[in-house]
Full PDB file with SEQRES, HELIX, SHEET, SSBOND, CRYST1, ORIGX, SCALE, CONECT and MASTER records, all heavy atoms in Angstrom:
SEQRES   1 A   34  CYS GLY PHE LYS GLY GLY SER LYS LYS ARG VAL LEU GLU          
SEQRES   2 A   34  GLY LEU ALA GLN THR ILE ALA GLN ASP VAL PRO SER ILE          
SEQRES   3 A   34  ASP ALA ASP GLU VAL PHE LYS ARG                              
HELIX    1 AA1 LYS A    8  ASP A   22  1                                  15    
HELIX    2 AA2 ALA A   28  LYS A   33  1                                   6    
CRYST1    1.000    1.000    1.000  90.00  90.00  90.00 P 1           1          
ORIGX1      1.000000  0.000000  0.000000        0.00000                         
ORIGX2      0.000000  1.000000  0.000000        0.00000                         
ORIGX3      0.000000  0.000000  1.000000        0.00000                         
SCALE1      1.000000  0.000000  0.000000        0.00000                         
SCALE2      0.000000  1.000000  0.000000        0.00000                         
SCALE3      0.000000  0.000000  1.000000        0.00000                         
ATOM      1  N   CYS A   1       0.839  -1.198  -0.004  1.00  0.00           N  
ATOM      2  CA  CYS A   1       0.000   0.001   0.001  1.00  0.00           C  
ATOM      3  C   CYS A   1       0.885   1.258   0.005  1.00  0.00           C  
ATOM      4  O   CYS A   1       1.855   1.337   0.750  1.00  0.00           O  
ATOM      5  CB  CYS A   1      -0.868  -0.052   1.255  1.00  0.00           C  
ATOM      6  SG  CYS A   1      -2.028   1.305   1.407  1.00  0.00           S  
ATOM      7  N   GLY A   2       0.552   2.218  -0.859  1.00  0.00           N  
ATOM      8  CA  GLY A   2       1.262   3.503  -0.846  1.00  0.00           C  
ATOM      9  C   GLY A   2       2.659   3.463  -1.419  1.00  0.00           C  
ATOM     10  O   GLY A   2       3.512   4.248  -1.044  1.00  0.00           O  
ATOM     11  N   PHE A   3       2.879   2.568  -2.401  1.00  0.00           N  
ATOM     12  CA  PHE A   3       4.198   2.484  -3.053  1.00  0.00           C  
ATOM     13  C   PHE A   3       4.523   3.806  -3.733  1.00  0.00           C  
ATOM     14  O   PHE A   3       3.674   4.418  -4.364  1.00  0.00           O  
ATOM     15  CB  PHE A   3       4.146   1.335  -4.086  1.00  0.00           C  
ATOM     16  CG  PHE A   3       5.459   1.054  -4.740  1.00  0.00           C  
ATOM     17  CD1 PHE A   3       6.409   0.259  -4.118  1.00  0.00           C  
ATOM     18  CD2 PHE A   3       5.744   1.563  -5.993  1.00  0.00           C  
ATOM     19  CE1 PHE A   3       7.623  -0.032  -4.729  1.00  0.00           C  
ATOM     20  CE2 PHE A   3       6.966   1.288  -6.623  1.00  0.00           C  
ATOM     21  CZ  PHE A   3       7.903   0.487  -5.973  1.00  0.00           C  
ATOM     22  N   LYS A   4       5.754   4.244  -3.564  1.00  0.00           N  
ATOM     23  CA  LYS A   4       6.202   5.483  -4.198  1.00  0.00           C  
ATOM     24  C   LYS A   4       6.888   5.141  -5.511  1.00  0.00           C  
ATOM     25  O   LYS A   4       8.073   4.943  -5.564  1.00  0.00           O  
ATOM     26  CB  LYS A   4       7.130   6.233  -3.246  1.00  0.00           C  
ATOM     27  CG  LYS A   4       6.406   6.759  -2.017  1.00  0.00           C  
ATOM     28  CD  LYS A   4       7.373   7.405  -1.033  1.00  0.00           C  
ATOM     29  CE  LYS A   4       6.691   7.986   0.179  1.00  0.00           C  
ATOM     30  NZ  LYS A   4       5.810   7.124   0.899  1.00  0.00           N  
ATOM     31  N   GLY A   5       6.086   5.096  -6.576  1.00  0.00           N  
ATOM     32  CA  GLY A   5       6.584   4.655  -7.858  1.00  0.00           C  
ATOM     33  C   GLY A   5       7.222   5.747  -8.673  1.00  0.00           C  
ATOM     34  O   GLY A   5       8.382   5.618  -9.092  1.00  0.00           O  
ATOM     35  N   GLY A   6       6.507   6.802  -8.951  1.00  0.00           N  
ATOM     36  CA  GLY A   6       7.054   7.889  -9.732  1.00  0.00           C  
ATOM     37  C   GLY A   6       6.979   7.699 -11.230  1.00  0.00           C  
ATOM     38  O   GLY A   6       6.725   8.641 -11.965  1.00  0.00           O  
ATOM     39  N   SER A   7       7.233   6.479 -11.709  1.00  0.00           N  
ATOM     40  CA  SER A   7       7.194   6.211 -13.148  1.00  0.00           C  
ATOM     41  C   SER A   7       6.798   4.736 -13.373  1.00  0.00           C  
ATOM     42  O   SER A   7       6.916   3.908 -12.470  1.00  0.00           O  
ATOM     43  CB  SER A   7       8.552   6.471 -13.801  1.00  0.00           C  
ATOM     44  OG  SER A   7       9.491   5.461 -13.393  1.00  0.00           O  
ATOM     45  N   LYS A   8       6.373   4.480 -14.574  1.00  0.00           N  
ATOM     46  CA  LYS A   8       5.999   3.102 -14.946  1.00  0.00           C  
ATOM     47  C   LYS A   8       7.186   2.157 -14.753  1.00  0.00           C  
ATOM     48  O   LYS A   8       7.052   1.077 -14.201  1.00  0.00           O  
ATOM     49  CB  LYS A   8       5.540   3.106 -16.410  1.00  0.00           C  
ATOM     50  CG  LYS A   8       4.984   1.821 -16.925  1.00  0.00           C  
ATOM     51  CD  LYS A   8       4.616   2.031 -18.399  1.00  0.00           C  
ATOM     52  CE  LYS A   8       3.607   1.094 -18.897  1.00  0.00           C  
ATOM     53  NZ  LYS A   8       3.245   1.326 -20.301  1.00  0.00           N  
ATOM     54  N   LYS A   9       8.368   2.582 -15.171  1.00  0.00           N  
ATOM     55  CA  LYS A   9       9.571   1.759 -15.070  1.00  0.00           C  
ATOM     56  C   LYS A   9       9.868   1.431 -13.605  1.00  0.00           C  
ATOM     57  O   LYS A   9      10.125   0.264 -13.263  1.00  0.00           O  
ATOM     58  CB  LYS A   9      10.749   2.467 -15.705  1.00  0.00           C  
ATOM     59  CG  LYS A   9      12.032   1.659 -15.636  1.00  0.00           C  
ATOM     60  CD  LYS A   9      13.190   2.412 -16.271  1.00  0.00           C  
ATOM     61  CE  LYS A   9      14.471   1.608 -16.076  1.00  0.00           C  
ATOM     62  NZ  LYS A   9      15.653   2.322 -16.499  1.00  0.00           N  
ATOM     63  N   ARG A  10       9.837   2.424 -12.739  1.00  0.00           N  
ATOM     64  CA  ARG A  10      10.109   2.190 -11.327  1.00  0.00           C  
ATOM     65  C   ARG A  10       9.073   1.288 -10.686  1.00  0.00           C  
ATOM     66  O   ARG A  10       9.409   0.441  -9.855  1.00  0.00           O  
ATOM     67  CB  ARG A  10      10.170   3.520 -10.560  1.00  0.00           C  
ATOM     68  CG  ARG A  10      11.487   4.240 -10.798  1.00  0.00           C  
ATOM     69  CD  ARG A  10      11.923   5.187  -9.719  1.00  0.00           C  
ATOM     70  NE  ARG A  10      11.954   4.591  -8.400  1.00  0.00           N  
ATOM     71  CZ  ARG A  10      11.596   5.233  -7.305  1.00  0.00           C  
ATOM     72  NH1 ARG A  10      11.171   6.461  -7.360  1.00  0.00           N  
ATOM     73  NH2 ARG A  10      11.647   4.626  -6.135  1.00  0.00           N  
ATOM     74  N   VAL A  11       7.810   1.430 -11.081  1.00  0.00           N  
ATOM     75  CA  VAL A  11       6.767   0.564 -10.559  1.00  0.00           C  
ATOM     76  C   VAL A  11       7.022  -0.887 -10.979  1.00  0.00           C  
ATOM     77  O   VAL A  11       6.923  -1.811 -10.157  1.00  0.00           O  
ATOM     78  CB  VAL A  11       5.382   1.049 -11.003  1.00  0.00           C  
ATOM     79  CG1 VAL A  11       4.307   0.022 -10.778  1.00  0.00           C  
ATOM     80  CG2 VAL A  11       5.025   2.346 -10.297  1.00  0.00           C  
ATOM     81  N   LEU A  12       7.328  -1.096 -12.236  1.00  0.00           N  
ATOM     82  CA  LEU A  12       7.570  -2.467 -12.713  1.00  0.00           C  
ATOM     83  C   LEU A  12       8.820  -3.061 -12.059  1.00  0.00           C  
ATOM     84  O   LEU A  12       8.836  -4.250 -11.729  1.00  0.00           O  
ATOM     85  CB  LEU A  12       7.676  -2.480 -14.236  1.00  0.00           C  
ATOM     86  CG  LEU A  12       6.407  -2.117 -14.981  1.00  0.00           C  
ATOM     87  CD1 LEU A  12       6.647  -2.064 -16.489  1.00  0.00           C  
ATOM     88  CD2 LEU A  12       5.255  -3.075 -14.653  1.00  0.00           C  
ATOM     89  N   GLU A  13       9.840  -2.240 -11.831  1.00  0.00           N  
ATOM     90  CA  GLU A  13      11.033  -2.730 -11.100  1.00  0.00           C  
ATOM     91  C   GLU A  13      10.643  -3.132  -9.686  1.00  0.00           C  
ATOM     92  O   GLU A  13      11.079  -4.183  -9.192  1.00  0.00           O  
ATOM     93  CB  GLU A  13      12.102  -1.639 -11.025  1.00  0.00           C  
ATOM     94  CG  GLU A  13      12.868  -1.421 -12.300  1.00  0.00           C  
ATOM     95  CD  GLU A  13      13.819  -0.240 -12.220  1.00  0.00           C  
ATOM     96  OE1 GLU A  13      13.556   0.723 -11.453  1.00  0.00           O  
ATOM     97  OE2 GLU A  13      14.839  -0.253 -12.925  1.00  0.00           O  
ATOM     98  N   GLY A  14       9.848  -2.305  -9.021  1.00  0.00           N  
ATOM     99  CA  GLY A  14       9.422  -2.583  -7.655  1.00  0.00           C  
ATOM    100  C   GLY A  14       8.587  -3.869  -7.576  1.00  0.00           C  
ATOM    101  O   GLY A  14       8.751  -4.657  -6.650  1.00  0.00           O  
ATOM    102  N   LEU A  15       7.696  -4.038  -8.551  1.00  0.00           N  
ATOM    103  CA  LEU A  15       6.899  -5.275  -8.572  1.00  0.00           C  
ATOM    104  C   LEU A  15       7.774  -6.486  -8.770  1.00  0.00           C  
ATOM    105  O   LEU A  15       7.606  -7.516  -8.091  1.00  0.00           O  
ATOM    106  CB  LEU A  15       5.856  -5.179  -9.697  1.00  0.00           C  
ATOM    107  CG  LEU A  15       4.651  -4.306  -9.415  1.00  0.00           C  
ATOM    108  CD1 LEU A  15       3.917  -3.970 -10.703  1.00  0.00           C  
ATOM    109  CD2 LEU A  15       3.722  -4.977  -8.423  1.00  0.00           C  
ATOM    110  N   ALA A  16       8.728  -6.407  -9.697  1.00  0.00           N  
ATOM    111  CA  ALA A  16       9.633  -7.531  -9.964  1.00  0.00           C  
ATOM    112  C   ALA A  16      10.435  -7.882  -8.702  1.00  0.00           C  
ATOM    113  O   ALA A  16      10.588  -9.072  -8.363  1.00  0.00           O  
ATOM    114  CB  ALA A  16      10.566  -7.211 -11.130  1.00  0.00           C  
ATOM    115  N   GLN A  17      10.941  -6.902  -8.013  1.00  0.00           N  
ATOM    116  CA  GLN A  17      11.717  -7.126  -6.794  1.00  0.00           C  
ATOM    117  C   GLN A  17      10.842  -7.693  -5.681  1.00  0.00           C  
ATOM    118  O   GLN A  17      11.265  -8.586  -4.953  1.00  0.00           O  
ATOM    119  CB  GLN A  17      12.424  -5.857  -6.360  1.00  0.00           C  
ATOM    120  CG  GLN A  17      13.547  -5.487  -7.296  1.00  0.00           C  
ATOM    121  CD  GLN A  17      14.259  -4.226  -6.891  1.00  0.00           C  
ATOM    122  OE1 GLN A  17      13.916  -3.565  -5.922  1.00  0.00           O  
ATOM    123  NE2 GLN A  17      15.272  -3.859  -7.672  1.00  0.00           N  
ATOM    124  N   THR A  18       9.626  -7.181  -5.550  1.00  0.00           N  
ATOM    125  CA  THR A  18       8.707  -7.675  -4.514  1.00  0.00           C  
ATOM    126  C   THR A  18       8.427  -9.155  -4.716  1.00  0.00           C  
ATOM    127  O   THR A  18       8.475  -9.931  -3.764  1.00  0.00           O  
ATOM    128  CB  THR A  18       7.382  -6.870  -4.561  1.00  0.00           C  
ATOM    129  OG1 THR A  18       7.700  -5.503  -4.231  1.00  0.00           O  
ATOM    130  CG2 THR A  18       6.365  -7.423  -3.589  1.00  0.00           C  
ATOM    131  N   ILE A  19       8.157  -9.540  -5.951  1.00  0.00           N  
ATOM    132  CA  ILE A  19       7.893 -10.946  -6.230  1.00  0.00           C  
ATOM    133  C   ILE A  19       9.126 -11.800  -6.007  1.00  0.00           C  
ATOM    134  O   ILE A  19       9.072 -12.856  -5.351  1.00  0.00           O  
ATOM    135  CB  ILE A  19       7.323 -11.120  -7.652  1.00  0.00           C  
ATOM    136  CG1 ILE A  19       5.942 -10.454  -7.738  1.00  0.00           C  
ATOM    137  CG2 ILE A  19       7.237 -12.598  -8.029  1.00  0.00           C  
ATOM    138  CD1 ILE A  19       5.406 -10.306  -9.151  1.00  0.00           C  
ATOM    139  N   ALA A  20      10.270 -11.370  -6.518  1.00  0.00           N  
ATOM    140  CA  ALA A  20      11.502 -12.152  -6.403  1.00  0.00           C  
ATOM    141  C   ALA A  20      11.935 -12.315  -4.943  1.00  0.00           C  
ATOM    142  O   ALA A  20      12.454 -13.370  -4.574  1.00  0.00           O  
ATOM    143  CB  ALA A  20      12.619 -11.515  -7.208  1.00  0.00           C  
ATOM    144  N   GLN A  21      11.700 -11.330  -4.110  1.00  0.00           N  
ATOM    145  CA  GLN A  21      12.036 -11.450  -2.696  1.00  0.00           C  
ATOM    146  C   GLN A  21      11.195 -12.503  -2.009  1.00  0.00           C  
ATOM    147  O   GLN A  21      11.616 -13.153  -1.068  1.00  0.00           O  
ATOM    148  CB  GLN A  21      11.870 -10.117  -1.977  1.00  0.00           C  
ATOM    149  CG  GLN A  21      12.933  -9.114  -2.325  1.00  0.00           C  
ATOM    150  CD  GLN A  21      12.649  -7.709  -1.786  1.00  0.00           C  
ATOM    151  OE1 GLN A  21      11.569  -7.454  -1.218  1.00  0.00           O  
ATOM    152  NE2 GLN A  21      13.585  -6.806  -1.981  1.00  0.00           N  
ATOM    153  N   ASP A  22       9.967 -12.675  -2.472  1.00  0.00           N  
ATOM    154  CA  ASP A  22       9.042 -13.615  -1.848  1.00  0.00           C  
ATOM    155  C   ASP A  22       9.104 -15.009  -2.480  1.00  0.00           C  
ATOM    156  O   ASP A  22       8.769 -15.990  -1.836  1.00  0.00           O  
ATOM    157  CB  ASP A  22       7.621 -13.057  -1.925  1.00  0.00           C  
ATOM    158  CG  ASP A  22       6.668 -13.821  -1.034  1.00  0.00           C  
ATOM    159  OD1 ASP A  22       7.029 -14.098   0.137  1.00  0.00           O  
ATOM    160  OD2 ASP A  22       5.575 -14.185  -1.503  1.00  0.00           O  
ATOM    161  N   VAL A  23       9.532 -15.079  -3.738  1.00  0.00           N  
ATOM    162  CA  VAL A  23       9.616 -16.348  -4.463  1.00  0.00           C  
ATOM    163  C   VAL A  23      11.041 -16.508  -4.971  1.00  0.00           C  
ATOM    164  O   VAL A  23      11.352 -16.020  -6.086  1.00  0.00           O  
ATOM    165  CB  VAL A  23       8.582 -16.401  -5.610  1.00  0.00           C  
ATOM    166  CG1 VAL A  23       8.602 -17.771  -6.301  1.00  0.00           C  
ATOM    167  CG2 VAL A  23       7.184 -16.057  -5.152  1.00  0.00           C  
ATOM    168  N   PRO A  24      11.924 -17.113  -4.201  1.00  0.00           N  
ATOM    169  CA  PRO A  24      13.351 -17.159  -4.535  1.00  0.00           C  
ATOM    170  C   PRO A  24      13.698 -17.780  -5.892  1.00  0.00           C  
ATOM    171  O   PRO A  24      14.729 -17.428  -6.456  1.00  0.00           O  
ATOM    172  CB  PRO A  24      13.968 -17.974  -3.399  1.00  0.00           C  
ATOM    173  CG  PRO A  24      12.999 -17.864  -2.275  1.00  0.00           C  
ATOM    174  CD  PRO A  24      11.647 -17.733  -2.901  1.00  0.00           C  
ATOM    175  N   SER A  25      12.850 -18.639  -6.432  1.00  0.00           N  
ATOM    176  CA  SER A  25      13.156 -19.253  -7.725  1.00  0.00           C  
ATOM    177  C   SER A  25      12.983 -18.294  -8.901  1.00  0.00           C  
ATOM    178  O   SER A  25      13.395 -18.570 -10.007  1.00  0.00           O  
ATOM    179  CB  SER A  25      12.288 -20.493  -7.951  1.00  0.00           C  
ATOM    180  OG  SER A  25      10.914 -20.127  -8.018  1.00  0.00           O  
ATOM    181  N   ILE A  26      12.367 -17.149  -8.630  1.00  0.00           N  
ATOM    182  CA  ILE A  26      12.092 -16.155  -9.672  1.00  0.00           C  
ATOM    183  C   ILE A  26      13.131 -15.038  -9.609  1.00  0.00           C  
ATOM    184  O   ILE A  26      13.404 -14.487  -8.523  1.00  0.00           O  
ATOM    185  CB  ILE A  26      10.662 -15.602  -9.543  1.00  0.00           C  
ATOM    186  CG1 ILE A  26       9.660 -16.729  -9.804  1.00  0.00           C  
ATOM    187  CG2 ILE A  26      10.427 -14.440 -10.491  1.00  0.00           C  
ATOM    188  CD1 ILE A  26       8.202 -16.326  -9.637  1.00  0.00           C  
ATOM    189  N   ASP A  27      13.703 -14.703 -10.751  1.00  0.00           N  
ATOM    190  CA  ASP A  27      14.743 -13.674 -10.833  1.00  0.00           C  
ATOM    191  C   ASP A  27      14.127 -12.310 -11.137  1.00  0.00           C  
ATOM    192  O   ASP A  27      13.382 -12.159 -12.136  1.00  0.00           O  
ATOM    193  CB  ASP A  27      15.726 -14.069 -11.953  1.00  0.00           C  
ATOM    194  CG  ASP A  27      16.815 -13.036 -12.118  1.00  0.00           C  
ATOM    195  OD1 ASP A  27      17.662 -12.910 -11.211  1.00  0.00           O  
ATOM    196  OD2 ASP A  27      16.795 -12.341 -13.160  1.00  0.00           O  
ATOM    197  N   ALA A  28      14.400 -11.319 -10.315  1.00  0.00           N  
ATOM    198  CA  ALA A  28      13.821  -9.997 -10.466  1.00  0.00           C  
ATOM    199  C   ALA A  28      14.146  -9.368 -11.807  1.00  0.00           C  
ATOM    200  O   ALA A  28      13.274  -8.755 -12.445  1.00  0.00           O  
ATOM    201  CB  ALA A  28      14.278  -9.079  -9.331  1.00  0.00           C  
ATOM    202  N   ASP A  29      15.399  -9.489 -12.249  1.00  0.00           N  
ATOM    203  CA  ASP A  29      15.798  -8.883 -13.543  1.00  0.00           C  
ATOM    204  C   ASP A  29      15.032  -9.523 -14.701  1.00  0.00           C  
ATOM    205  O   ASP A  29      14.584  -8.830 -15.624  1.00  0.00           O  
ATOM    206  CB  ASP A  29      17.314  -9.015 -13.777  1.00  0.00           C  
ATOM    207  CG  ASP A  29      18.109  -8.145 -12.827  1.00  0.00           C  
ATOM    208  OD1 ASP A  29      17.572  -7.132 -12.341  1.00  0.00           O  
ATOM    209  OD2 ASP A  29      19.285  -8.488 -12.564  1.00  0.00           O  
ATOM    210  N   GLU A  30      14.850 -10.833 -14.655  1.00  0.00           N  
ATOM    211  CA  GLU A  30      14.114 -11.536 -15.691  1.00  0.00           C  
ATOM    212  C   GLU A  30      12.648 -11.087 -15.736  1.00  0.00           C  
ATOM    213  O   GLU A  30      12.108 -10.814 -16.791  1.00  0.00           O  
ATOM    214  CB  GLU A  30      14.188 -13.055 -15.455  1.00  0.00           C  
ATOM    215  CG  GLU A  30      13.344 -13.885 -16.397  1.00  0.00           C  
ATOM    216  CD  GLU A  30      13.922 -13.984 -17.791  1.00  0.00           C  
ATOM    217  OE1 GLU A  30      15.072 -13.604 -18.018  1.00  0.00           O  
ATOM    218  OE2 GLU A  30      13.185 -14.442 -18.672  1.00  0.00           O  
ATOM    219  N   VAL A  31      12.054 -10.977 -14.546  1.00  0.00           N  
ATOM    220  CA  VAL A  31      10.646 -10.516 -14.467  1.00  0.00           C  
ATOM    221  C   VAL A  31      10.525  -9.109 -15.018  1.00  0.00           C  
ATOM    222  O   VAL A  31       9.635  -8.819 -15.817  1.00  0.00           O  
ATOM    223  CB  VAL A  31      10.118 -10.614 -13.028  1.00  0.00           C  
ATOM    224  CG1 VAL A  31       8.761  -9.913 -12.889  1.00  0.00           C  
ATOM    225  CG2 VAL A  31      10.038 -12.066 -12.564  1.00  0.00           C  
ATOM    226  N   PHE A  32      11.421  -8.223 -14.595  1.00  0.00           N  
ATOM    227  CA  PHE A  32      11.374  -6.833 -15.068  1.00  0.00           C  
ATOM    228  C   PHE A  32      11.479  -6.773 -16.592  1.00  0.00           C  
ATOM    229  O   PHE A  32      10.695  -6.096 -17.252  1.00  0.00           O  
ATOM    230  CB  PHE A  32      12.493  -6.024 -14.414  1.00  0.00           C  
ATOM    231  CG  PHE A  32      12.576  -4.624 -14.939  1.00  0.00           C  
ATOM    232  CD1 PHE A  32      11.562  -3.703 -14.702  1.00  0.00           C  
ATOM    233  CD2 PHE A  32      13.653  -4.219 -15.682  1.00  0.00           C  
ATOM    234  CE1 PHE A  32      11.633  -2.404 -15.199  1.00  0.00           C  
ATOM    235  CE2 PHE A  32      13.739  -2.936 -16.178  1.00  0.00           C  
ATOM    236  CZ  PHE A  32      12.725  -2.014 -15.931  1.00  0.00           C  
ATOM    237  N   LYS A  33      12.439  -7.505 -17.171  1.00  0.00           N  
ATOM    238  CA  LYS A  33      12.618  -7.503 -18.626  1.00  0.00           C  
ATOM    239  C   LYS A  33      11.360  -8.008 -19.332  1.00  0.00           C  
ATOM    240  O   LYS A  33      10.956  -7.451 -20.348  1.00  0.00           O  
ATOM    241  CB  LYS A  33      13.820  -8.380 -19.037  1.00  0.00           C  
ATOM    242  CG  LYS A  33      15.146  -7.745 -18.698  1.00  0.00           C  
ATOM    243  CD  LYS A  33      16.285  -8.689 -19.014  1.00  0.00           C  
ATOM    244  CE  LYS A  33      17.586  -8.137 -18.473  1.00  0.00           C  
ATOM    245  NZ  LYS A  33      18.690  -9.077 -18.588  1.00  0.00           N  
ATOM    246  N   ARG A  34      10.758  -9.034 -18.796  1.00  0.00           N  
ATOM    247  CA  ARG A  34       9.557  -9.585 -19.432  1.00  0.00           C  
ATOM    248  C   ARG A  34       8.353  -8.651 -19.282  1.00  0.00           C  
ATOM    249  O   ARG A  34       7.548  -8.524 -20.212  1.00  0.00           O  
ATOM    250  CB  ARG A  34       9.241 -10.978 -18.892  1.00  0.00           C  
ATOM    251  CG  ARG A  34      10.290 -11.972 -19.365  1.00  0.00           C  
ATOM    252  CD  ARG A  34       9.875 -13.367 -19.126  1.00  0.00           C  
ATOM    253  NE  ARG A  34      10.893 -14.289 -19.593  1.00  0.00           N  
ATOM    254  CZ  ARG A  34      10.631 -15.385 -20.277  1.00  0.00           C  
ATOM    255  NH1 ARG A  34       9.396 -15.716 -20.581  1.00  0.00           N  
ATOM    256  NH2 ARG A  34      11.609 -16.187 -20.631  1.00  0.00           N  
TER     257      ARG A  34                                                      
MASTER        0    0    0    2    0    0    0    6  256    1    0    3          
END                                                                             
């Protein structure tokens, strides 16, 4: 709640990192690129 995104790119990076931190088999950089 209340994520400070600022831009589409930053939001997508934040989402990728959030998921990768919770699901170790998933790579944040790969998710972001996709």
